[in-house]
Amino acid sequence: MTKTWQKFLLKLDVKSRENLEIILLKIIKREFSDLDIKPVSWKKWFFRCRIWKIRIIYSYKNDLIVIEDIWYRWDIYKWL
């Protein structure tokens, strides 16, 4: 079963998808130096990464980074 953020990536054009995949790899490898990352204030252990008008929400679970969702700004925060 695919996650909603994986379906979202498939809907993007090729160039945007490649750029987001590079950013996702940076997040998973914990290379945060050039990314705009902030903690989500109302959820503990949740963080958001801002890229253009898209937000990536991820969390830490047992010392692993889990991508929770990827969507456009404002709409991403409704499910939290």
PDB file of N, CA and C in Angstrom:
ATOM      1  N   MET A   1       0.845  -1.182   0.000  1.00  0.00           N
ATOM      2  CA  MET A   1       0.000   0.000   0.000  1.00  0.00           C
ATOM      3  C   MET A   1       0.891   1.247   0.000  1.00  0.00           C
ATOM      4  N   THR A   2       0.632   2.129  -0.931  1.00  0.00           N
ATOM      5  CA  THR A   2       1.442   3.342  -1.008  1.00  0.00           C
ATOM      6  C   THR A   2       0.880   4.399  -0.072  1.00  0.00           C
ATOM      7  N   LYS A   3       1.762   5.243   0.382  1.00  0.00           N
ATOM      8  CA  LYS A   3       1.366   6.328   1.267  1.00  0.00           C
ATOM      9  C   LYS A   3       0.918   7.515   0.428  1.00  0.00           C
ATOM     10  N   THR A   4       0.198   8.416   1.038  1.00  0.00           N
ATOM     11  CA  THR A   4      -0.333   9.558   0.298  1.00  0.00           C
ATOM     12  C   THR A   4       0.769  10.454  -0.236  1.00  0.00           C
ATOM     13  N   TRP A   5       1.870  10.568   0.500  1.00  0.00           N
ATOM     14  CA  TRP A   5       2.939  11.433   0.013  1.00  0.00           C
ATOM     15  C   TRP A   5       3.637  10.819  -1.190  1.00  0.00           C
ATOM     16  N   GLN A   6       3.652   9.514  -1.303  1.00  0.00           N
ATOM     17  CA  GLN A   6       4.238   8.878  -2.480  1.00  0.00           C
ATOM     18  C   GLN A   6       3.374   9.129  -3.705  1.00  0.00           C
ATOM     19  N   LYS A   7       2.071   9.115  -3.524  1.00  0.00           N
ATOM     20  CA  LYS A   7       1.164   9.434  -4.623  1.00  0.00           C
ATOM     21  C   LYS A   7       1.318  10.890  -5.045  1.00  0.00           C
ATOM     22  N   PHE A   8       1.533  11.754  -4.059  1.00  0.00           N
ATOM     23  CA  PHE A   8       1.727  13.167  -4.345  1.00  0.00           C
ATOM     24  C   PHE A   8       2.964  13.372  -5.214  1.00  0.00           C
ATOM     25  N   LEU A   9       4.038  12.673  -4.912  1.00  0.00           N
ATOM     26  CA  LEU A   9       5.255  12.788  -5.709  1.00  0.00           C
ATOM     27  C   LEU A   9       5.042  12.319  -7.143  1.00  0.00           C
ATOM     28  N   LEU A  10       4.246  11.302  -7.318  1.00  0.00           N
ATOM     29  CA  LEU A  10       3.987  10.794  -8.665  1.00  0.00           C
ATOM     30  C   LEU A  10       3.190  11.774  -9.520  1.00  0.00           C
ATOM     31  N   LYS A  11       2.421  12.632  -8.888  1.00  0.00           N
ATOM     32  CA  LYS A  11       1.618  13.606  -9.620  1.00  0.00           C
ATOM     33  C   LYS A  11       2.415  14.826 -10.075  1.00  0.00           C
ATOM     34  N   LEU A  12       3.572  15.019  -9.489  1.00  0.00           N
ATOM     35  CA  LEU A  12       4.395  16.181  -9.838  1.00  0.00           C
ATOM     36  C   LEU A  12       5.106  15.960 -11.170  1.00  0.00           C
ATOM     37  N   ASP A  13       5.535  17.083 -11.765  1.00  0.00           N
ATOM     38  CA  ASP A  13       6.326  16.952 -12.980  1.00  0.00           C
ATOM     39  C   ASP A  13       7.696  16.375 -12.625  1.00  0.00           C
ATOM     40  N   VAL A  14       8.415  15.932 -13.621  1.00  0.00           N
ATOM     41  CA  VAL A  14       9.655  15.189 -13.403  1.00  0.00           C
ATOM     42  C   VAL A  14      10.705  16.031 -12.676  1.00  0.00           C
ATOM     43  N   LYS A  15      10.877  17.263 -13.064  1.00  0.00           N
ATOM     44  CA  LYS A  15      11.905  18.097 -12.450  1.00  0.00           C
ATOM     45  C   LYS A  15      11.607  18.366 -10.974  1.00  0.00           C
ATOM     46  N   SER A  16      10.375  18.685 -10.660  1.00  0.00           N
ATOM     47  CA  SER A  16       9.991  18.927  -9.264  1.00  0.00           C
ATOM     48  C   SER A  16      10.144  17.668  -8.425  1.00  0.00           C
ATOM     49  N   ARG A  17       9.759  16.541  -9.004  1.00  0.00           N
ATOM     50  CA  ARG A  17       9.872  15.270  -8.291  1.00  0.00           C
ATOM     51  C   ARG A  17      11.332  14.951  -7.977  1.00  0.00           C
ATOM     52  N   GLU A  18      12.209  15.157  -8.943  1.00  0.00           N
ATOM     53  CA  GLU A  18      13.629  14.884  -8.712  1.00  0.00           C
ATOM     54  C   GLU A  18      14.190  15.793  -7.623  1.00  0.00           C
ATOM     55  N   ASN A  19      13.813  17.056  -7.643  1.00  0.00           N
ATOM     56  CA  ASN A  19      14.282  17.984  -6.608  1.00  0.00           C
ATOM     57  C   ASN A  19      13.781  17.571  -5.226  1.00  0.00           C
ATOM     58  N   LEU A  20      12.525  17.184  -5.141  1.00  0.00           N
ATOM     59  CA  LEU A  20      11.984  16.746  -3.849  1.00  0.00           C
ATOM     60  C   LEU A  20      12.622  15.450  -3.369  1.00  0.00           C
ATOM     61  N   GLU A  21      12.911  14.558  -4.281  1.00  0.00           N
ATOM     62  CA  GLU A  21      13.561  13.317  -3.886  1.00  0.00           C
ATOM     63  C   GLU A  21      14.964  13.574  -3.340  1.00  0.00           C
ATOM     64  N   ILE A  22      15.670  14.526  -3.911  1.00  0.00           N
ATOM     65  CA  ILE A  22      16.989  14.898  -3.392  1.00  0.00           C
ATOM     66  C   ILE A  22      16.852  15.449  -1.976  1.00  0.00           C
ATOM     67  N   ILE A  23      15.857  16.282  -1.767  1.00  0.00           N
ATOM     68  CA  ILE A  23      15.628  16.859  -0.440  1.00  0.00           C
ATOM     69  C   ILE A  23      15.217  15.779   0.558  1.00  0.00           C
ATOM     70  N   LEU A  24      14.396  14.843   0.129  1.00  0.00           N
ATOM     71  CA  LEU A  24      14.013  13.734   1.009  1.00  0.00           C
ATOM     72  C   LEU A  24      15.225  12.903   1.417  1.00  0.00           C
ATOM     73  N   LEU A  25      16.115  12.674   0.495  1.00  0.00           N
ATOM     74  CA  LEU A  25      17.338  11.938   0.836  1.00  0.00           C
ATOM     75  C   LEU A  25      18.188  12.712   1.832  1.00  0.00           C
ATOM     76  N   LYS A  26      18.248  14.021   1.690  1.00  0.00           N
ATOM     77  CA  LYS A  26      18.989  14.833   2.653  1.00  0.00           C
ATOM     78  C   LYS A  26      18.370  14.727   4.045  1.00  0.00           C
ATOM     79  N   ILE A  27      17.051  14.731   4.096  1.00  0.00           N
ATOM     80  CA  ILE A  27      16.369  14.616   5.388  1.00  0.00           C
ATOM     81  C   ILE A  27      16.660  13.258   6.015  1.00  0.00           C
ATOM     82  N   ILE A  28      16.566  12.221   5.233  1.00  0.00           N
ATOM     83  CA  ILE A  28      16.789  10.876   5.758  1.00  0.00           C
ATOM     84  C   ILE A  28      18.237  10.699   6.212  1.00  0.00           C
ATOM     85  N   LYS A  29      19.173  11.318   5.500  1.00  0.00           N
ATOM     86  CA  LYS A  29      20.589  11.242   5.884  1.00  0.00           C
ATOM     87  C   LYS A  29      20.949  12.248   6.971  1.00  0.00           C
ATOM     88  N   ARG A  30      19.993  13.067   7.366  1.00  0.00           N
ATOM     89  CA  ARG A  30      20.167  14.078   8.415  1.00  0.00           C
ATOM     90  C   ARG A  30      21.167  15.172   8.035  1.00  0.00           C
ATOM     91  N   GLU A  31      21.127  15.569   6.798  1.00  0.00           N
ATOM     92  CA  GLU A  31      21.952  16.675   6.299  1.00  0.00           C
ATOM     93  C   GLU A  31      21.067  17.915   6.229  1.00  0.00           C
ATOM     94  N   PHE A  32      20.879  18.582   7.355  1.00  0.00           N
ATOM     95  CA  PHE A  32      19.920  19.668   7.466  1.00  0.00           C
ATOM     96  C   PHE A  32      20.499  21.056   7.212  1.00  0.00           C
ATOM     97  N   SER A  33      21.756  21.145   6.875  1.00  0.00           N
ATOM     98  CA  SER A  33      22.434  22.439   6.857  1.00  0.00           C
ATOM     99  C   SER A  33      21.806  23.468   5.920  1.00  0.00           C
ATOM    100  N   ASP A  34      21.382  23.084   4.740  1.00  0.00           N
ATOM    101  CA  ASP A  34      20.846  24.045   3.787  1.00  0.00           C
ATOM    102  C   ASP A  34      19.322  23.963   3.640  1.00  0.00           C
ATOM    103  N   LEU A  35      18.653  23.331   4.578  1.00  0.00           N
ATOM    104  CA  LEU A  35      17.198  23.180   4.522  1.00  0.00           C
ATOM    105  C   LEU A  35      16.526  24.089   5.549  1.00  0.00           C
ATOM    106  N   ASP A  36      15.322  24.503   5.232  1.00  0.00           N
ATOM    107  CA  ASP A  36      14.533  25.325   6.154  1.00  0.00           C
ATOM    108  C   ASP A  36      13.650  24.400   6.992  1.00  0.00           C
ATOM    109  N   ILE A  37      14.154  24.038   8.157  1.00  0.00           N
ATOM    110  CA  ILE A  37      13.459  23.077   9.013  1.00  0.00           C
ATOM    111  C   ILE A  37      13.141  23.728  10.347  1.00  0.00           C
ATOM    112  N   LYS A  38      11.890  23.514  10.784  1.00  0.00           N
ATOM    113  CA  LYS A  38      11.454  24.015  12.082  1.00  0.00           C
ATOM    114  C   LYS A  38      10.579  22.962  12.743  1.00  0.00           C
ATOM    115  N   PRO A  39      10.554  22.932  14.061  1.00  0.00           N
ATOM    116  CA  PRO A  39       9.647  21.992  14.736  1.00  0.00           C
ATOM    117  C   PRO A  39       8.199  22.463  14.633  1.00  0.00           C
ATOM    118  N   VAL A  40       7.310  21.525  14.564  1.00  0.00           N
ATOM    119  CA  VAL A  40       5.879  21.843  14.584  1.00  0.00           C
ATOM    120  C   VAL A  40       5.518  22.066  16.046  1.00  0.00           C
ATOM    121  N   SER A  41       4.983  23.219  16.352  1.00  0.00           N
ATOM    122  CA  SER A  41       4.835  23.629  17.748  1.00  0.00           C
ATOM    123  C   SER A  41       3.796  22.809  18.528  1.00  0.00           C
ATOM    124  N   TRP A  42       2.778  22.318  17.884  1.00  0.00           N
ATOM    125  CA  TRP A  42       1.719  21.623  18.619  1.00  0.00           C
ATOM    126  C   TRP A  42       1.863  20.098  18.577  1.00  0.00           C
ATOM    127  N   LYS A  43       2.905  19.594  17.915  1.00  0.00           N
ATOM    128  CA  LYS A  43       3.157  18.155  17.888  1.00  0.00           C
ATOM    129  C   LYS A  43       4.604  17.890  18.294  1.00  0.00           C
ATOM    130  N   LYS A  44       4.772  17.120  19.322  1.00  0.00           N
ATOM    131  CA  LYS A  44       6.118  16.811  19.775  1.00  0.00           C
ATOM    132  C   LYS A  44       6.758  15.795  18.823  1.00  0.00           C
ATOM    133  N   TRP A  45       8.007  15.987  18.521  1.00  0.00           N
ATOM    134  CA  TRP A  45       8.797  15.142  17.634  1.00  0.00           C
ATOM    135  C   TRP A  45       8.400  15.240  16.167  1.00  0.00           C
ATOM    136  N   PHE A  46       7.594  16.227  15.790  1.00  0.00           N
ATOM    137  CA  PHE A  46       7.265  16.458  14.392  1.00  0.00           C
ATOM    138  C   PHE A  46       7.991  17.710  13.914  1.00  0.00           C
ATOM    139  N   PHE A  47       8.496  17.651  12.694  1.00  0.00           N
ATOM    140  CA  PHE A  47       9.218  18.767  12.109  1.00  0.00           C
ATOM    141  C   PHE A  47       8.721  19.001  10.701  1.00  0.00           C
ATOM    142  N   ARG A  48       8.895  20.231  10.240  1.00  0.00           N
ATOM    143  CA  ARG A  48       8.490  20.537   8.875  1.00  0.00           C
ATOM    144  C   ARG A  48       9.670  21.118   8.120  1.00  0.00           C
ATOM    145  N   CYS A  49       9.718  20.779   6.846  1.00  0.00           N
ATOM    146  CA  CYS A  49      10.734  21.304   5.950  1.00  0.00           C
ATOM    147  C   CYS A  49       9.993  22.065   4.855  1.00  0.00           C
ATOM    148  N   ARG A  50      10.381  23.293   4.647  1.00  0.00           N
ATOM    149  CA  ARG A  50       9.698  24.143   3.677  1.00  0.00           C
ATOM    150  C   ARG A  50      10.508  24.194   2.389  1.00  0.00           C
ATOM    151  N   ILE A  51       9.865  23.827   1.278  1.00  0.00           N
ATOM    152  CA  ILE A  51      10.456  23.909  -0.052  1.00  0.00           C
ATOM    153  C   ILE A  51       9.419  24.529  -0.968  1.00  0.00           C
ATOM    154  N   TRP A  52       9.717  25.692  -1.475  1.00  0.00           N
ATOM    155  CA  TRP A  52       8.796  26.447  -2.314  1.00  0.00           C
ATOM    156  C   TRP A  52       7.445  26.557  -1.613  1.00  0.00           C
ATOM    157  N   LYS A  53       6.393  26.029  -2.229  1.00  0.00           N
ATOM    158  CA  LYS A  53       5.073  26.062  -1.596  1.00  0.00           C
ATOM    159  C   LYS A  53       4.682  24.694  -1.037  1.00  0.00           C
ATOM    160  N   ILE A  54       5.649  23.812  -0.971  1.00  0.00           N
ATOM    161  CA  ILE A  54       5.413  22.451  -0.496  1.00  0.00           C
ATOM    162  C   ILE A  54       6.035  22.283   0.884  1.00  0.00           C
ATOM    163  N   ARG A  55       5.357  21.519   1.752  1.00  0.00           N
ATOM    164  CA  ARG A  55       5.867  21.225   3.083  1.00  0.00           C
ATOM    165  C   ARG A  55       6.050  19.720   3.237  1.00  0.00           C
ATOM    166  N   ILE A  56       7.147  19.366   3.861  1.00  0.00           N
ATOM    167  CA  ILE A  56       7.418  17.967   4.193  1.00  0.00           C
ATOM    168  C   ILE A  56       7.345  17.862   5.715  1.00  0.00           C
ATOM    169  N   ILE A  57       6.479  16.997   6.206  1.00  0.00           N
ATOM    170  CA  ILE A  57       6.357  16.758   7.645  1.00  0.00           C
ATOM    171  C   ILE A  57       6.995  15.402   7.935  1.00  0.00           C
ATOM    172  N   TYR A  58       7.922  15.416   8.875  1.00  0.00           N
ATOM    173  CA  TYR A  58       8.569  14.163   9.259  1.00  0.00           C
ATOM    174  C   TYR A  58       8.674  14.107  10.777  1.00  0.00           C
ATOM    175  N   SER A  59       8.950  12.917  11.256  1.00  0.00           N
ATOM    176  CA  SER A  59       9.058  12.729  12.704  1.00  0.00           C
ATOM    177  C   SER A  59      10.180  11.750  13.005  1.00  0.00           C
ATOM    178  N   TYR A  60      10.539  11.714  14.287  1.00  0.00           N
ATOM    179  CA  TYR A  60      11.526  10.755  14.775  1.00  0.00           C
ATOM    180  C   TYR A  60      10.783   9.647  15.510  1.00  0.00           C
ATOM    181  N   LYS A  61      11.050   8.415  15.109  1.00  0.00           N
ATOM    182  CA  LYS A  61      10.477   7.261  15.796  1.00  0.00           C
ATOM    183  C   LYS A  61      11.593   6.246  16.000  1.00  0.00           C
ATOM    184  N   ASN A  62      11.911   5.998  17.239  1.00  0.00           N
ATOM    185  CA  ASN A  62      12.979   5.047  17.587  1.00  0.00           C
ATOM    186  C   ASN A  62      14.276   5.376  16.861  1.00  0.00           C
ATOM    187  N   ASP A  63      14.623   6.643  16.883  1.00  0.00           N
ATOM    188  CA  ASP A  63      15.858   7.145  16.270  1.00  0.00           C
ATOM    189  C   ASP A  63      15.886   6.995  14.743  1.00  0.00           C
ATOM    190  N   LEU A  64      14.737   6.791  14.133  1.00  0.00           N
ATOM    191  CA  LEU A  64      14.619   6.768  12.681  1.00  0.00           C
ATOM    192  C   LEU A  64      13.772   7.951  12.233  1.00  0.00           C
ATOM    193  N   ILE A  65      14.051   8.459  11.060  1.00  0.00           N
ATOM    194  CA  ILE A  65      13.247   9.550  10.506  1.00  0.00           C
ATOM    195  C   ILE A  65      12.162   8.942   9.628  1.00  0.00           C
ATOM    196  N   VAL A  66      10.926   9.322   9.906  1.00  0.00           N
ATOM    197  CA  VAL A  66       9.774   8.818   9.160  1.00  0.00           C
ATOM    198  C   VAL A  66       9.106   9.996   8.466  1.00  0.00           C
ATOM    199  N   ILE A  67       8.974   9.911   7.162  1.00  0.00           N
ATOM    200  CA  ILE A  67       8.269  10.939   6.403  1.00  0.00           C
ATOM    201  C   ILE A  67       6.776  10.711   6.616  1.00  0.00           C
ATOM    202  N   GLU A  68       6.126  11.680   7.229  1.00  0.00           N
ATOM    203  CA  GLU A  68       4.703  11.537   7.541  1.00  0.00           C
ATOM    204  C   GLU A  68       3.822  11.958   6.371  1.00  0.00           C
ATOM    205  N   ASP A  69       4.133  13.121   5.783  1.00  0.00           N
ATOM    206  CA  ASP A  69       3.306  13.601   4.690  1.00  0.00           C
ATOM    207  C   ASP A  69       4.030  14.689   3.912  1.00  0.00           C
ATOM    208  N   ILE A  70       3.627  14.853   2.648  1.00  0.00           N
ATOM    209  CA  ILE A  70       4.115  15.927   1.786  1.00  0.00           C
ATOM    210  C   ILE A  70       2.902  16.505   1.087  1.00  0.00           C
ATOM    211  N   TRP A  71       2.752  17.809   1.214  1.00  0.00           N
ATOM    212  CA  TRP A  71       1.606  18.453   0.583  1.00  0.00           C
ATOM    213  C   TRP A  71       1.873  19.950   0.487  1.00  0.00           C
ATOM    214  N   TYR A  72       0.933  20.661  -0.107  1.00  0.00           N
ATOM    215  CA  TYR A  72       1.072  22.108  -0.241  1.00  0.00           C
ATOM    216  C   TYR A  72       0.820  22.802   1.092  1.00  0.00           C
ATOM    217  N   ARG A  73       1.358  23.995   1.234  1.00  0.00           N
ATOM    218  CA  ARG A  73       1.240  24.721   2.497  1.00  0.00           C
ATOM    219  C   ARG A  73      -0.222  24.936   2.853  1.00  0.00           C
ATOM    220  N   TRP A  74      -0.497  25.140   4.078  1.00  0.00           N
ATOM    221  CA  TRP A  74      -1.799  25.283   4.721  1.00  0.00           C
ATOM    222  C   TRP A  74      -2.578  23.978   4.729  1.00  0.00           C
ATOM    223  N   ASP A  75      -2.682  23.304   3.625  1.00  0.00           N
ATOM    224  CA  ASP A  75      -3.446  22.053   3.613  1.00  0.00           C
ATOM    225  C   ASP A  75      -2.734  20.949   4.383  1.00  0.00           C
ATOM    226  N   ILE A  76      -1.447  21.003   4.475  1.00  0.00           N
ATOM    227  CA  ILE A  76      -0.689  19.964   5.172  1.00  0.00           C
ATOM    228  C   ILE A  76      -0.997  19.942   6.659  1.00  0.00           C
ATOM    229  N   TYR A  77      -1.294  21.101   7.230  1.00  0.00           N
ATOM    230  CA  TYR A  77      -1.485  21.186   8.673  1.00  0.00           C
ATOM    231  C   TYR A  77      -2.880  20.755   9.135  1.00  0.00           C
ATOM    232  N   LYS A  78      -3.792  20.525   8.220  1.00  0.00           N
ATOM    233  CA  LYS A  78      -5.157  20.152   8.593  1.00  0.00           C
ATOM    234  C   LYS A  78      -5.220  18.774   9.235  1.00  0.00           C
ATOM    235  N   TRP A  79      -4.407  17.853   8.798  1.00  0.00           N
ATOM    236  CA  TRP A  79      -4.478  16.489   9.356  1.00  0.00           C
ATOM    237  C   TRP A  79      -3.746  16.382  10.686  1.00  0.00           C
ATOM    238  N   LEU A  80      -2.882  17.347  10.982  1.00  0.00           N
ATOM    239  CA  LEU A  80      -2.156  17.302  12.258  1.00  0.00           C
ATOM    240  C   LEU A  80      -3.089  17.679  13.332  1.00  0.00           C
TER     241      LEU A  80
END
